[in-house]
N, C-alpha and C. Protein backbone atom coordinates (compact mmCIF):
# COMPACT_ATOMS: atom_id res chain seq x y z
N MET A 1 -36.47 -17.71 22.78
CA MET A 1 -36.18 -16.37 22.94
C MET A 1 -37.06 -15.30 24.21
N ASP A 2 -35.95 -14.74 24.87
CA ASP A 2 -37.11 -13.99 25.90
C ASP A 2 -37.71 -12.99 25.76
N LYS A 3 -38.51 -12.65 26.00
CA LYS A 3 -39.05 -11.04 25.60
C LYS A 3 -37.99 -10.03 25.83
N PRO A 4 -37.79 -9.11 25.01
CA PRO A 4 -36.82 -8.23 24.93
C PRO A 4 -37.33 -7.32 25.99
N ASP A 5 -35.94 -6.45 26.65
CA ASP A 5 -36.34 -5.79 27.14
C ASP A 5 -36.52 -3.64 27.18
N HIS A 6 -36.01 -3.81 25.45
CA HIS A 6 -36.12 -3.15 24.56
C HIS A 6 -36.95 -3.25 23.63
N HIS A 7 -37.64 -2.73 22.75
CA HIS A 7 -37.92 -3.48 21.23
C HIS A 7 -37.32 -1.70 20.46
N ILE A 8 -36.81 -1.98 18.99
CA ILE A 8 -35.99 -0.87 18.00
C ILE A 8 -36.74 -0.61 17.55
N LEU A 9 -37.38 0.11 16.88
CA LEU A 9 -38.47 0.23 15.54
C LEU A 9 -37.27 1.18 14.85
N VAL A 10 -37.40 1.22 13.06
CA VAL A 10 -36.33 1.75 12.65
C VAL A 10 -37.26 1.78 11.43
N CYS A 11 -37.31 2.91 10.73
CA CYS A 11 -38.74 3.54 9.94
C CYS A 11 -37.34 2.93 8.32
N MET A 12 -38.36 3.22 7.57
CA MET A 12 -37.87 2.25 6.46
C MET A 12 -38.24 3.04 5.04
N SER A 13 -39.02 3.70 5.78
CA SER A 13 -40.57 4.17 4.15
C SER A 13 -41.07 3.73 3.54
N PHE A 14 -41.18 2.86 3.77
CA PHE A 14 -42.02 2.19 2.89
C PHE A 14 -43.81 2.55 2.74
N ARG A 15 -44.18 2.86 1.59
CA ARG A 15 -45.85 3.36 1.46
C ARG A 15 -46.02 2.50 1.06
N GLY A 16 -46.68 1.64 1.91
CA GLY A 16 -47.23 0.66 0.56
C GLY A 16 -46.24 -0.27 -0.06
N LEU A 17 -45.77 -0.83 -0.81
CA LEU A 17 -44.85 -1.48 -1.50
C LEU A 17 -43.26 -0.61 -2.27
N GLU A 18 -43.39 0.84 -2.21
CA GLU A 18 -42.23 1.08 -2.64
C GLU A 18 -41.63 1.97 -1.30
N PRO A 19 -39.97 2.06 -1.45
CA PRO A 19 -39.65 3.28 -1.05
C PRO A 19 -39.73 4.27 -0.73
N LYS A 20 -40.33 5.14 -0.28
CA LYS A 20 -40.64 6.96 -1.01
C LYS A 20 -40.02 8.12 -0.26
N GLY A 21 -39.68 7.68 1.22
CA GLY A 21 -39.45 9.03 2.31
C GLY A 21 -38.18 9.22 2.45
N THR A 22 -37.95 9.73 3.66
CA THR A 22 -36.26 10.71 3.84
C THR A 22 -35.63 10.07 4.07
N CYS A 23 -36.13 8.39 5.03
CA CYS A 23 -35.19 7.54 6.06
C CYS A 23 -34.02 5.89 4.81
N ILE A 24 -35.00 5.97 4.28
CA ILE A 24 -34.18 5.28 3.61
C ILE A 24 -32.89 5.46 2.84
N ARG A 25 -33.13 6.68 2.75
CA ARG A 25 -32.02 7.81 1.90
C ARG A 25 -31.25 7.99 2.05
N LYS A 26 -31.27 7.86 3.94
CA LYS A 26 -30.48 8.67 4.39
C LYS A 26 -29.55 7.87 5.25
N GLY A 27 -29.87 6.24 4.21
CA GLY A 27 -29.27 5.13 5.24
C GLY A 27 -29.69 4.54 6.54
N ALA A 28 -31.43 4.63 6.68
CA ALA A 28 -31.92 3.88 8.15
C ALA A 28 -31.04 1.95 8.03
N PRO A 29 -31.27 1.82 6.55
CA PRO A 29 -30.23 0.59 6.56
C PRO A 29 -29.48 -0.01 7.00
N ASP A 30 -28.43 1.15 6.74
CA ASP A 30 -27.59 0.88 7.69
C ASP A 30 -27.10 0.82 8.97
N LEU A 31 -28.41 1.77 9.10
CA LEU A 31 -28.44 2.09 10.79
C LEU A 31 -28.96 0.50 11.55
N VAL A 32 -29.37 -0.48 10.70
CA VAL A 32 -29.77 -1.65 11.24
C VAL A 32 -28.87 -2.77 11.91
N ALA A 33 -28.23 -2.86 10.58
CA ALA A 33 -26.70 -3.28 10.47
C ALA A 33 -26.21 -3.17 12.21
N HIS A 34 -26.13 -1.61 12.20
CA HIS A 34 -25.33 -1.22 13.23
C HIS A 34 -25.48 -1.77 14.55
N LEU A 35 -26.94 -1.65 15.30
CA LEU A 35 -28.11 -1.82 15.55
C LEU A 35 -27.38 -2.55 16.58
N ASP A 36 -28.26 -3.54 15.54
CA ASP A 36 -27.56 -5.19 15.70
C ASP A 36 -25.94 -5.73 15.88
N ALA A 37 -25.41 -4.85 15.44
CA ALA A 37 -24.09 -5.78 15.92
C ALA A 37 -23.38 -5.00 17.62
N GLU A 38 -23.96 -3.66 17.59
CA GLU A 38 -23.65 -2.56 18.41
C GLU A 38 -24.86 -3.55 20.35
N ILE A 39 -25.61 -3.75 20.08
CA ILE A 39 -26.87 -4.17 20.95
C ILE A 39 -26.44 -5.86 20.74
N ALA A 40 -25.58 -6.78 20.80
CA ALA A 40 -24.85 -7.84 20.29
C ALA A 40 -23.28 -7.82 21.36
N ALA A 41 -22.60 -6.81 21.27
CA ALA A 41 -21.26 -6.72 22.08
C ALA A 41 -21.96 -5.93 23.10
N ARG A 42 -22.81 -5.10 23.24
CA ARG A 42 -22.77 -4.81 24.65
C ARG A 42 -24.08 -5.04 25.39
N GLY A 43 -24.36 -6.84 24.85
CA GLY A 43 -25.07 -7.66 25.89
C GLY A 43 -26.40 -7.51 25.91
N LEU A 44 -27.24 -6.44 25.37
CA LEU A 44 -28.30 -5.88 25.34
C LEU A 44 -29.52 -6.91 25.59
N ASN A 45 -30.71 -6.81 26.44
CA ASN A 45 -31.84 -7.74 25.60
C ASN A 45 -32.28 -6.21 24.67
N ALA A 46 -32.15 -6.91 23.39
CA ALA A 46 -32.84 -5.46 23.34
C ALA A 46 -33.35 -6.06 21.33
N PHE A 47 -34.54 -5.79 20.46
CA PHE A 47 -34.57 -6.43 19.33
C PHE A 47 -35.11 -5.31 18.38
N VAL A 48 -34.46 -5.07 17.68
CA VAL A 48 -34.83 -4.76 16.11
C VAL A 48 -35.89 -5.10 14.88
N SER A 49 -36.41 -3.80 14.89
CA SER A 49 -37.17 -4.02 13.63
C SER A 49 -37.64 -2.79 13.24
N THR A 50 -37.81 -3.69 11.30
CA THR A 50 -37.71 -2.31 10.33
C THR A 50 -39.34 -2.23 10.42
N THR A 51 -39.63 -0.34 9.74
CA THR A 51 -41.54 -0.02 9.57
C THR A 51 -41.29 -0.10 8.85
N GLY A 52 -42.68 0.69 8.53
CA GLY A 52 -43.02 1.59 7.62
C GLY A 52 -43.10 3.15 7.72
N CYS A 53 -43.16 3.78 7.28
CA CYS A 53 -43.27 4.91 7.02
C CYS A 53 -44.24 4.85 8.04
N LEU A 54 -42.96 5.79 9.43
CA LEU A 54 -42.82 6.62 10.34
C LEU A 54 -43.60 8.17 10.60
N GLN A 55 -43.83 8.66 9.76
CA GLN A 55 -44.17 9.99 9.32
C GLN A 55 -44.18 11.33 9.97
N PHE A 56 -42.47 11.25 9.95
CA PHE A 56 -42.12 12.37 10.26
C PHE A 56 -40.70 12.41 9.47
N CYS A 57 -40.78 12.09 7.98
CA CYS A 57 -39.97 12.46 6.93
C CYS A 57 -39.20 13.37 7.16
N ASP A 58 -39.22 14.33 7.67
CA ASP A 58 -37.60 15.95 7.76
C ASP A 58 -37.36 15.79 8.68
N LYS A 59 -37.49 14.83 9.24
CA LYS A 59 -36.63 14.14 11.16
C LYS A 59 -36.12 13.27 10.70
N GLY A 60 -35.78 12.45 9.54
CA GLY A 60 -35.00 11.09 9.40
C GLY A 60 -33.73 11.22 9.00
N PRO A 61 -33.39 10.15 9.32
CA PRO A 61 -34.10 8.64 9.49
C PRO A 61 -34.20 8.70 10.62
N VAL A 62 -35.33 7.93 11.31
CA VAL A 62 -35.98 8.30 12.98
C VAL A 62 -36.54 6.49 13.42
N LEU A 63 -35.77 6.80 14.56
CA LEU A 63 -35.79 5.07 15.27
C LEU A 63 -36.92 5.44 16.59
N VAL A 64 -37.23 4.59 16.88
CA VAL A 64 -38.62 4.50 18.17
C VAL A 64 -38.18 3.14 18.87
N VAL A 65 -38.11 3.82 19.74
CA VAL A 65 -37.73 2.83 21.56
C VAL A 65 -38.83 2.86 22.78
N TYR A 66 -38.59 1.50 22.09
CA TYR A 66 -40.04 0.84 23.04
C TYR A 66 -39.24 -0.12 24.72
N PRO A 67 -39.71 0.29 25.29
CA PRO A 67 -41.38 0.45 26.24
C PRO A 67 -41.72 1.82 26.61
N GLN A 68 -40.10 2.21 26.37
CA GLN A 68 -40.09 3.63 26.55
C GLN A 68 -40.42 4.84 26.23
N GLY A 69 -40.94 4.68 25.41
CA GLY A 69 -41.79 5.70 24.01
C GLY A 69 -40.70 6.65 23.69
N HIS A 70 -39.65 6.48 23.25
CA HIS A 70 -38.54 7.49 23.17
C HIS A 70 -38.95 7.48 21.49
N TRP A 71 -38.96 8.34 20.66
CA TRP A 71 -39.06 8.58 19.54
C TRP A 71 -37.80 9.89 19.12
N TYR A 72 -36.76 9.27 18.03
CA TYR A 72 -35.93 10.02 17.51
C TYR A 72 -35.52 10.29 16.77
N GLY A 73 -34.50 11.36 16.68
CA GLY A 73 -35.20 11.82 14.86
C GLY A 73 -33.04 12.13 14.52
N GLY A 74 -32.96 12.67 13.37
CA GLY A 74 -32.00 12.27 12.54
C GLY A 74 -30.66 11.44 13.11
N VAL A 75 -31.12 10.49 13.15
CA VAL A 75 -30.17 9.53 13.40
C VAL A 75 -29.11 9.13 12.52
N ASP A 76 -28.94 9.69 11.69
CA ASP A 76 -28.53 10.10 10.32
C ASP A 76 -26.77 9.05 10.27
N ASP A 77 -26.25 8.62 11.24
CA ASP A 77 -24.81 8.19 11.45
C ASP A 77 -24.68 6.74 12.66
N GLU A 78 -23.86 6.52 12.36
CA GLU A 78 -23.17 5.63 14.01
C GLU A 78 -23.38 6.07 14.89
N ASP A 79 -22.92 7.07 15.27
CA ASP A 79 -21.97 8.35 16.26
C ASP A 79 -23.23 8.21 17.01
N ALA A 80 -24.82 8.76 16.37
CA ALA A 80 -26.00 9.33 16.64
C ALA A 80 -26.52 8.04 17.33
N VAL A 81 -26.13 6.13 16.92
CA VAL A 81 -26.87 5.69 17.45
C VAL A 81 -26.08 4.87 18.63
N ASP A 82 -25.00 5.26 18.65
CA ASP A 82 -24.14 4.97 20.12
C ASP A 82 -24.66 5.59 21.23
N ALA A 83 -24.86 7.38 20.47
CA ALA A 83 -25.20 7.85 21.50
C ALA A 83 -27.05 7.50 21.89
N ILE A 84 -27.47 7.08 21.39
CA ILE A 84 -29.00 6.26 21.78
C ILE A 84 -28.76 5.28 23.03
N LEU A 85 -27.84 4.07 22.55
CA LEU A 85 -28.09 2.94 23.07
C LEU A 85 -26.89 3.51 24.49
N ASP A 86 -26.28 4.07 24.05
CA ASP A 86 -25.55 4.81 25.32
C ASP A 86 -26.26 5.51 26.49
N ALA A 87 -27.43 5.86 25.97
CA ALA A 87 -28.66 6.25 26.74
C ALA A 87 -29.17 5.61 27.14
N LEU A 88 -29.80 4.57 26.68
CA LEU A 88 -30.70 3.13 26.74
C LEU A 88 -30.40 2.77 27.88
N GLU A 89 -28.37 2.21 28.44
CA GLU A 89 -27.80 1.52 28.66
C GLU A 89 -27.64 2.56 30.34
N ALA A 90 -27.86 3.49 30.35
CA ALA A 90 -27.77 4.61 31.53
C ALA A 90 -29.23 4.72 31.71
N GLY A 91 -30.29 4.18 31.32
CA GLY A 91 -31.84 4.63 31.67
C GLY A 91 -32.45 5.41 31.48
N GLU A 92 -32.01 6.32 30.65
CA GLU A 92 -32.12 7.97 30.42
C GLU A 92 -32.65 8.28 29.03
N PRO A 93 -33.36 8.79 28.58
CA PRO A 93 -32.95 9.48 27.00
C PRO A 93 -32.35 10.39 26.21
N CYS A 94 -31.86 10.17 24.93
CA CYS A 94 -30.55 10.39 24.36
C CYS A 94 -31.14 11.65 23.71
N THR A 95 -31.27 12.98 24.63
CA THR A 95 -31.81 14.31 24.82
C THR A 95 -31.49 15.08 23.76
N GLU A 96 -30.71 15.17 23.14
CA GLU A 96 -30.31 15.46 22.08
C GLU A 96 -31.15 15.71 20.44
N LEU A 97 -31.34 14.20 20.54
CA LEU A 97 -32.36 13.04 19.23
C LEU A 97 -33.28 13.38 19.34
N LEU A 98 -33.58 13.73 20.99
CA LEU A 98 -35.39 13.04 20.93
C LEU A 98 -36.51 13.82 19.84
N LEU A 99 -37.62 13.50 19.74
CA LEU A 99 -38.44 14.52 18.81
C LEU A 99 -38.98 14.87 19.60
N THR A 100 -39.59 16.67 19.68
CA THR A 100 -39.94 16.40 20.78
C THR A 100 -42.13 16.99 19.55
């Protein structure tokens, strides 16, 4: 596998061995499946990983896109994921979901 152009991290709210935060309760696992499908459909060279708690529980679900370093909050449905991927393809951040 070639090194991906983008690495997308999805918070899964784990602290220790238990899911305790907001992201997992707000559907983060479903976002991973949609991200994987959309990345394949769009032909993006990107990789998705899940993480422990990213400490922005009040803004969850949270995604981080590297190497850009864009942190996104309130990514709670497929439309939000699609907006982030549209912006990624355009080479710009999805400003309406950026955490500041």
